[in-house]
Structure formats: structure tokens, C-alpha cells
Amino acid sequence: MSHDGIAAGDGSTKGAAHSAFRSAIHSPLALPLAGLIVVSILMSFASDTFFSVSNILNVMRQVSVVAILAVGMTFVILTGGIDLSVGAVMALAGTMAAGLMVHFGLPGWVGLLAGIVLGVGLGIFNGLLVAWGRMPAIIVTLATMGIARGIGLIYSGGYPISGVPSWISWFGVGRVGIIPVPVILTVIIYALAWVLLQRTPFGRHVYAIGGNELAAKLSGVKTARVKLAVYAISGLTAGLAAVILTGRLMSGQPNAGVGFELDAIAAVVLGGTAIAGGRGLILGTLIGAVLLGILSNGLNLMGINPYLQDIIRGFIILLAIYIAREWR
């Protein structure tokens, strides 16, 4: 009897281990983590200093802006939407903030806060047109991208606005100990986003809309309000990213952020979020952003032509989407 008990116990343990393994490999984070590990190992051959603390922190600092933009993009994509305006909104928020400081003499914190509020306002503008205007998100945000970019160029005359207070550089290049401030801010924003998505009714409603909007609406979810909120969040993260970028460049750059919306989308997709919505994790987006940063860093260390790097990244993103589709 004791032997039977031991055998049963062993079988139960093996069964539990097998079940845990199956759950792990089918987790939305499994493929992004595997990709991050593989790319990191491959890129480590590009330079002996790739895994140095200074290089890793430098990579994290460099990806912080795109990673923060990708937070808002994750919320939007989870509902089945898209936001192509985040790069232009970020540029306009930073340019407007710098202009208020330099041309109007407002305190630095007022300028930065105004930039963030502007980002939220443009996000709400997108949300109103998508949620209540029932216009396609890709068209709405493409139009907003052009509007924001044009306003920024007119406001600045097409030139950077420099002369912001020196303390603002802390947001872009400052450190707390050895940790860059942008990295700390990125971690805080991701932690808040995780709580919002995983521990609140709002987060459950975001997933429900992406899974089946009609069913969510019939079950009592205020779908229009949730959509408005996710686009507002996307605008908010664009404004927060503008703070870091302004601190890094010490100026408002109306031409900044070109193509950043595509990088943000790539980070979300590489992180395992379904482009059709309803499935994905915010931690996966962070992994996707870091993966893009490590890939760029490694290619730079290898001396790869920047134009060729764009081609390589494009094929990697396509491969990731294909593998994820087959995996599921």
C-alpha cells in the first residue's frame, strides 16, 4: 500500500509539473521572453561589453521613451484599436512645453504639466471621434498625427525651441544612484498600468471590448466610455514621454518622434498582445520594448548600416507575428 501511495504521489507530482510546464509555455509572456533571451545571447557576440551594467542601463534609458508610448498603445490595441498619432502628439507636447517656458516665461513645472495636459486632450479628441463618432481609429489617429505635427511646426517655425531650465535635464539624463531616471519613471508607469489592467474593473472591460465588443456592451460595459479612456491614456503616456524627451534634448523638437508610433506598435506586438485586441499583458509590452532596444544596440555595436537595421527589424517583427499566430 505504501508503495502504491508513493507511486501515486510521484504521478501526481509529475502531473502537476507537466501541467505547470504546459501553462508556462502557453503563457503570453513565453514567446517574448524566449525572443529576448535568444536575441540577447546572439547580440552578446557583437561586443564583449554588451552585458556590462553600463551598456544594459544605457539600453534601458534609450528605450524608455518608446516603452512609455507603448503603454498607452497597449491599452488601445487591447480594445481592438490603434493610435498612429502618439509620436506627433509627443513632439507637440514637448514643443508646446518648451515654448511656454522660453517664450512666455512660465515656470518649468507649469510648461511640463501643460504639455502632459495637451497630450491627454488630444487623446480625448481621438477617443471622442472613435467612440462616439464611430470613425475608424486608423483614420482618426492618422489625421491627428498630421494635425499635431503641423501645429508643432507652425508654433515653433520649424526650429527647435531651446533654453529650457537646466533642472529639466534630470528627467532625461539624471540618475538615482546608478539607475537612470527615465528607467525609474518607466518602471513606475508600467507598474501603474499593470494594476489598472489586472486589478480593476476598468481593465477587465478593456479586455472584454477587445474580445467581443458587442457581448461586452450587452453585458453592461460602457464601451464608448472605456474607449474614450484608453485613448486618453494613450495621450497621457505621449505627454509623459515628452517630458523625458525634452529633458534628454533640453529643447522642444517639433520633428521629434517620427516613426515612434511604429516602434510602439512593434513593442506591443512583440510583447504578445494580439493586434485584434482582447489578449495580451502589459509586462509583455515592456519585454517587447526592451527586445527592440537590445536589437538596435547590438546592431549598432556590430556596425550595421542604419537603413539595413530598419529592414532587419521589419523582418523580425513579421517573423514574431507569424510565430505567435502558429503558436496559438
Protein backbone atom coordinates (compact mmCIF):
# COMPACT_ATOMS: atom_id res chain seq x y z
CA MET A 1 0.00 0.00 0.00
CA SER A 2 2.82 2.37 0.86
CA HIS A 3 4.43 1.70 -2.49
CA ASP A 4 1.15 2.49 -4.22
CA GLY A 5 0.95 5.71 -2.25
CA ILE A 6 4.46 6.69 -3.25
CA ALA A 7 3.75 5.85 -6.87
CA ALA A 8 0.54 7.85 -6.78
CA GLY A 9 2.39 10.72 -5.16
CA ASP A 10 5.11 10.62 -7.81
CA GLY A 11 2.50 10.53 -10.56
CA SER A 12 0.64 13.44 -9.02
CA THR A 13 3.87 15.45 -8.72
CA LYS A 14 4.85 14.68 -12.30
CA GLY A 15 1.36 15.56 -13.48
CA ALA A 16 1.44 18.87 -11.63
CA ALA A 17 4.89 19.65 -13.00
CA HIS A 18 3.76 18.78 -16.52
CA SER A 19 0.66 20.95 -16.14
CA ALA A 20 2.76 23.86 -14.83
CA PHE A 21 5.17 23.48 -17.75
CA ARG A 22 2.33 23.49 -20.28
CA SER A 23 0.85 26.58 -18.65
CA ALA A 24 4.23 28.31 -18.74
CA ILE A 25 4.97 27.66 -22.39
CA HIS A 26 1.47 28.75 -23.41
CA SER A 27 1.68 31.95 -21.36
CA PRO A 28 1.50 35.18 -23.40
CA LEU A 29 4.93 36.01 -21.96
CA ALA A 30 6.61 32.77 -23.09
CA LEU A 31 7.43 33.79 -26.66
CA PRO A 32 8.50 37.38 -25.84
CA LEU A 33 10.81 36.10 -23.09
CA ALA A 34 12.24 33.42 -25.37
CA GLY A 35 12.84 36.01 -28.07
CA LEU A 36 14.51 38.37 -25.60
CA ILE A 37 16.84 35.63 -24.37
CA VAL A 38 17.76 34.45 -27.86
CA VAL A 39 18.41 37.97 -29.19
CA SER A 40 20.43 38.88 -26.09
CA ILE A 41 22.64 35.81 -26.50
CA LEU A 42 23.15 36.48 -30.19
CA MET A 43 23.92 40.17 -29.65
CA SER A 44 26.39 39.39 -26.88
CA PHE A 45 28.72 38.13 -29.59
CA ALA A 46 28.75 41.62 -31.12
CA SER A 47 30.77 43.07 -28.25
CA ASP A 48 32.44 41.98 -25.04
CA THR A 49 30.77 44.91 -23.28
CA PHE A 50 27.22 44.02 -24.34
CA PHE A 51 26.31 42.52 -20.96
CA SER A 52 28.11 45.21 -18.96
CA VAL A 53 25.99 47.08 -16.42
CA SER A 54 26.65 50.41 -18.12
CA ASN A 55 25.53 49.13 -21.53
CA ILE A 56 22.38 47.46 -20.18
CA LEU A 57 21.42 50.65 -18.31
CA ASN A 58 22.13 52.65 -21.45
CA VAL A 59 19.83 50.39 -23.46
CA MET A 60 17.08 50.77 -20.87
CA ARG A 61 17.47 54.55 -20.89
CA GLN A 62 17.29 54.64 -24.68
CA VAL A 63 14.12 52.55 -24.88
CA SER A 64 12.31 54.45 -22.13
CA VAL A 65 10.51 56.88 -24.45
CA VAL A 66 9.19 54.19 -26.81
CA ALA A 67 8.41 51.92 -23.85
CA ILE A 68 6.23 54.61 -22.26
CA LEU A 69 4.47 55.33 -25.56
CA ALA A 70 3.86 51.59 -25.84
CA VAL A 71 1.95 51.57 -22.52
CA GLY A 72 -0.82 53.72 -23.95
CA MET A 73 -0.65 51.81 -27.22
CA THR A 74 -1.23 48.55 -25.32
CA PHE A 75 -4.47 49.87 -23.81
CA VAL A 76 -5.67 50.99 -27.24
CA ILE A 77 -4.73 47.77 -29.06
CA LEU A 78 -6.31 45.63 -26.33
CA THR A 79 -9.65 47.22 -27.28
CA GLY A 80 -9.02 46.43 -30.95
CA GLY A 81 -7.98 50.00 -31.84
CA ILE A 82 -4.80 51.71 -32.97
CA ASP A 83 -3.16 55.09 -32.32
CA LEU A 84 -0.87 56.40 -35.05
CA SER A 85 -0.66 59.87 -33.51
CA VAL A 86 1.47 59.19 -30.43
CA GLY A 87 4.80 60.27 -31.95
CA ALA A 88 3.41 63.55 -33.25
CA VAL A 89 1.47 64.20 -30.03
CA MET A 90 4.66 63.64 -28.04
CA ALA A 91 6.55 66.10 -30.27
CA LEU A 92 3.82 68.73 -29.99
CA ALA A 93 3.59 68.32 -26.20
CA GLY A 94 7.35 68.79 -25.82
CA THR A 95 7.44 71.74 -28.24
CA MET A 96 4.50 73.44 -26.54
CA ALA A 97 6.01 72.89 -23.10
CA ALA A 98 9.36 74.35 -24.17
CA GLY A 99 7.64 77.30 -25.83
CA LEU A 100 5.68 78.15 -22.70
CA MET A 101 8.89 78.14 -20.67
CA VAL A 102 11.10 80.00 -23.13
CA HIS A 103 8.76 82.41 -24.90
CA PHE A 104 6.23 83.08 -22.15
CA GLY A 105 8.47 82.73 -19.11
CA LEU A 106 6.27 80.23 -17.31
CA PRO A 107 7.86 78.03 -14.63
CA GLY A 108 9.27 74.75 -15.90
CA TRP A 109 6.79 72.60 -14.00
CA VAL A 110 3.88 74.57 -15.48
CA GLY A 111 5.23 74.05 -19.00
CA LEU A 112 5.70 70.32 -18.47
CA LEU A 113 2.25 69.95 -16.92
CA ALA A 114 0.73 71.87 -19.83
CA GLY A 115 2.43 69.50 -22.27
CA ILE A 116 1.00 66.48 -20.45
CA VAL A 117 -2.48 68.03 -20.37
CA LEU A 118 -2.21 68.75 -24.10
CA GLY A 119 -1.36 65.10 -24.70
CA VAL A 120 -4.41 63.99 -22.73
CA GLY A 121 -6.57 66.49 -24.61
CA LEU A 122 -5.52 65.17 -27.99
CA GLY A 123 -6.09 61.62 -26.74
CA ILE A 124 -9.62 62.58 -25.70
CA PHE A 125 -10.11 64.16 -29.13
CA ASN A 126 -9.18 60.84 -30.74
CA GLY A 127 -11.39 58.94 -28.32
CA LEU A 128 -14.44 61.10 -28.98
CA LEU A 129 -14.18 60.60 -32.72
CA VAL A 130 -13.59 56.85 -32.40
CA ALA A 131 -16.05 56.07 -29.58
CA TRP A 132 -18.91 58.46 -30.26
CA GLY A 133 -18.18 59.49 -33.84
CA ARG A 134 -17.74 55.81 -34.73
CA MET A 135 -14.94 56.68 -37.12
CA PRO A 136 -12.15 54.18 -37.90
CA ALA A 137 -9.33 54.56 -35.39
CA ILE A 138 -6.63 54.25 -38.02
CA ILE A 139 -8.09 57.19 -40.00
CA VAL A 140 -8.78 59.36 -36.95
CA THR A 141 -5.33 58.97 -35.45
CA LEU A 142 -3.62 59.34 -38.83
CA ALA A 143 -5.40 62.68 -39.22
CA THR A 144 -4.47 63.69 -35.67
CA MET A 145 -0.86 62.81 -36.42
CA GLY A 146 -0.85 65.30 -39.29
CA ILE A 147 -2.68 67.96 -37.27
CA ALA A 148 -0.35 67.66 -34.28
CA ARG A 149 2.77 67.65 -36.43
CA GLY A 150 1.57 70.70 -38.37
CA ILE A 151 0.67 72.68 -35.25
CA GLY A 152 4.07 71.93 -33.73
CA LEU A 153 5.92 73.10 -36.84
CA ILE A 154 3.84 76.29 -37.13
CA TYR A 155 4.22 77.07 -33.42
CA SER A 156 7.99 76.65 -33.49
CA GLY A 157 8.57 77.95 -37.01
CA GLY A 158 10.07 74.58 -37.82
CA TYR A 159 13.01 75.08 -35.46
CA PRO A 160 13.81 73.55 -32.04
CA ILE A 161 12.91 75.67 -29.04
CA SER A 162 15.92 75.65 -26.71
CA GLY A 163 16.70 77.42 -23.45
CA VAL A 164 14.54 75.39 -21.05
CA PRO A 165 15.54 75.39 -17.35
CA SER A 166 18.58 73.25 -16.65
CA TRP A 167 16.86 71.14 -13.98
CA ILE A 168 14.59 69.60 -16.61
CA SER A 169 17.57 67.58 -17.84
CA TRP A 170 17.09 65.44 -14.71
CA PHE A 171 14.11 63.75 -16.37
CA GLY A 172 16.15 62.78 -19.42
CA VAL A 173 19.69 62.14 -18.23
CA GLY A 174 19.50 62.23 -14.44
CA ARG A 175 20.33 59.28 -12.20
CA VAL A 176 19.32 57.95 -8.82
CA GLY A 177 22.43 56.10 -7.77
CA ILE A 178 23.41 54.26 -10.93
CA ILE A 179 19.85 53.91 -12.22
CA PRO A 180 18.83 56.42 -14.94
CA VAL A 181 15.76 58.46 -14.02
CA PRO A 182 13.94 57.52 -17.28
CA VAL A 183 14.26 53.85 -16.31
CA ILE A 184 12.74 54.53 -12.88
CA LEU A 185 9.87 56.51 -14.40
CA THR A 186 9.26 53.74 -16.95
CA VAL A 187 9.05 51.09 -14.22
CA ILE A 188 6.61 53.21 -12.20
CA ILE A 189 4.37 53.80 -15.23
CA TYR A 190 4.35 50.09 -16.10
CA ALA A 191 3.53 49.17 -12.51
CA LEU A 192 0.55 51.54 -12.51
CA ALA A 193 -0.59 50.23 -15.88
CA TRP A 194 -0.35 46.64 -14.61
CA VAL A 195 -2.54 47.45 -11.62
CA LEU A 196 -5.06 49.23 -13.83
CA LEU A 197 -5.32 46.35 -16.29
CA GLN A 198 -5.10 43.40 -13.93
CA ARG A 199 -6.69 44.60 -10.70
CA THR A 200 -9.56 46.90 -11.67
CA PRO A 201 -12.97 46.55 -13.37
CA PHE A 202 -11.76 49.03 -15.98
CA GLY A 203 -9.01 46.62 -17.01
CA ARG A 204 -11.49 43.77 -17.33
CA HIS A 205 -13.69 45.98 -19.50
CA VAL A 206 -10.72 46.80 -21.76
CA TYR A 207 -10.10 43.10 -22.37
CA ALA A 208 -13.83 42.42 -22.81
CA ILE A 209 -14.19 45.05 -25.53
CA GLY A 210 -11.22 43.66 -27.42
CA GLY A 211 -12.54 40.12 -27.10
CA ASN A 212 -16.09 40.85 -28.22
CA GLU A 213 -17.34 44.43 -28.15
CA LEU A 214 -21.00 43.56 -28.75
CA ALA A 215 -21.02 40.97 -25.96
CA ALA A 216 -19.31 43.47 -23.65
CA LYS A 217 -21.92 46.10 -24.46
CA LEU A 218 -24.79 43.67 -23.89
CA SER A 219 -23.30 42.72 -20.52
CA GLY A 220 -23.45 46.31 -19.38
CA VAL A 221 -19.98 47.64 -20.19
CA LYS A 222 -20.00 51.32 -21.17
CA THR A 223 -17.93 50.63 -24.26
CA ALA A 224 -17.80 54.22 -25.51
CA ARG A 225 -16.52 55.50 -22.17
CA VAL A 226 -13.87 52.79 -21.97
CA LYS A 227 -12.68 53.57 -25.50
CA LEU A 228 -12.52 57.27 -24.68
CA ALA A 229 -10.47 56.44 -21.58
CA VAL A 230 -7.93 54.27 -23.40
CA TYR A 231 -7.24 56.97 -25.99
CA ALA A 232 -6.91 59.50 -23.17
CA ILE A 233 -4.38 57.16 -21.55
CA SER A 234 -2.50 56.96 -24.85
CA GLY A 235 -2.37 60.75 -24.95
CA LEU A 236 -1.24 60.83 -21.33
CA THR A 237 1.68 58.48 -21.97
CA ALA A 238 2.64 60.56 -25.02
CA GLY A 239 2.76 63.62 -22.77
CA LEU A 240 4.83 61.79 -20.16
CA ALA A 241 7.23 60.56 -22.85
CA ALA A 242 7.57 64.20 -23.97
CA VAL A 243 8.83 65.13 -20.51
CA ILE A 244 11.65 62.60 -20.76
CA LEU A 245 12.49 63.55 -24.34
CA THR A 246 12.53 67.26 -23.52
CA GLY A 247 14.87 66.58 -20.62
CA ARG A 248 17.12 64.48 -22.84
CA LEU A 249 17.29 67.02 -25.68
CA MET A 250 16.93 70.13 -23.47
CA SER A 251 14.66 71.60 -26.12
CA GLY A 252 11.30 71.21 -27.79
CA GLN A 253 11.75 69.42 -31.10
CA PRO A 254 8.77 69.69 -33.50
CA ASN A 255 10.26 66.97 -35.72
CA ALA A 256 10.88 64.55 -32.86
CA GLY A 257 9.13 61.20 -32.63
CA VAL A 258 8.87 60.45 -36.35
CA GLY A 259 8.24 56.72 -36.63
CA PHE A 260 7.92 56.27 -32.86
CA GLU A 261 4.30 55.18 -33.27
CA LEU A 262 5.51 52.23 -35.34
CA ASP A 263 8.12 51.35 -32.72
CA ALA A 264 5.43 51.47 -30.03
CA ILE A 265 3.16 49.19 -32.05
CA ALA A 266 6.09 46.84 -32.68
CA ALA A 267 6.84 46.68 -28.94
CA VAL A 268 3.21 45.79 -28.20
CA VAL A 269 3.07 43.12 -30.90
CA LEU A 270 6.46 41.63 -29.99
CA GLY A 271 5.23 41.54 -26.40
CA GLY A 272 2.49 39.09 -27.35
CA THR A 273 -0.55 41.37 -27.48
CA ALA A 274 -2.99 40.35 -30.20
CA ILE A 275 -3.30 43.12 -32.78
CA ALA A 276 -7.04 42.36 -32.99
CA GLY A 277 -7.38 43.03 -29.25
CA GLY A 278 -8.62 41.11 -26.24
CA ARG A 279 -5.40 39.29 -25.38
CA GLY A 280 -2.03 40.42 -24.05
CA LEU A 281 -0.12 41.57 -20.98
CA ILE A 282 1.46 44.91 -20.19
CA LEU A 283 4.62 43.14 -18.99
CA GLY A 284 4.88 41.61 -22.44
CA THR A 285 4.94 45.11 -23.92
CA LEU A 286 7.87 46.02 -21.67
CA ILE A 287 9.70 42.90 -22.83
CA GLY A 288 8.93 43.83 -26.44
CA ALA A 289 10.31 47.35 -25.96
CA VAL A 290 13.48 46.02 -24.33
CA LEU A 291 13.83 43.46 -27.13
CA LEU A 292 13.73 46.24 -29.72
CA GLY A 293 16.27 48.25 -27.73
CA ILE A 294 18.67 45.33 -27.36
CA LEU A 295 18.34 44.53 -31.05
CA SER A 296 19.16 48.13 -32.04
CA ASN A 297 22.02 48.31 -29.56
CA GLY A 298 23.54 45.07 -30.77
CA LEU A 299 23.24 46.05 -34.43
CA ASN A 300 24.92 49.38 -33.66
CA LEU A 301 27.76 47.61 -31.88
CA MET A 302 28.14 45.40 -34.93
CA GLY A 303 28.38 48.48 -37.15
CA ILE A 304 25.33 47.55 -39.23
CA ASN A 305 24.10 50.25 -41.63
CA PRO A 306 21.13 52.10 -40.02
CA TYR A 307 19.00 51.61 -43.15
CA LEU A 308 19.72 47.90 -43.08
CA GLN A 309 18.76 47.86 -39.40
CA ASP A 310 15.25 49.03 -40.33
CA ILE A 311 14.95 46.13 -42.77
CA ILE A 312 16.18 43.61 -40.18
CA ARG A 313 13.76 44.92 -37.53
CA GLY A 314 10.89 44.75 -40.01
CA PHE A 315 11.55 41.11 -40.85
CA ILE A 316 11.93 40.22 -37.17
CA ILE A 317 8.55 41.80 -36.39
CA LEU A 318 6.92 39.87 -39.26
CA LEU A 319 8.54 36.66 -38.05
CA ALA A 320 7.33 37.30 -34.50
CA ILE A 321 3.75 37.82 -35.67
CA TYR A 322 3.85 34.67 -37.77
CA ILE A 323 5.31 32.54 -34.96
CA ALA A 324 2.79 33.90 -32.47
CA ARG A 325 -0.07 33.06 -34.85
CA GLU A 326 1.15 29.50 -35.34
CA TRP A 327 1.87 29.10 -31.61
CA ARG A 328 -1.69 29.93 -30.69
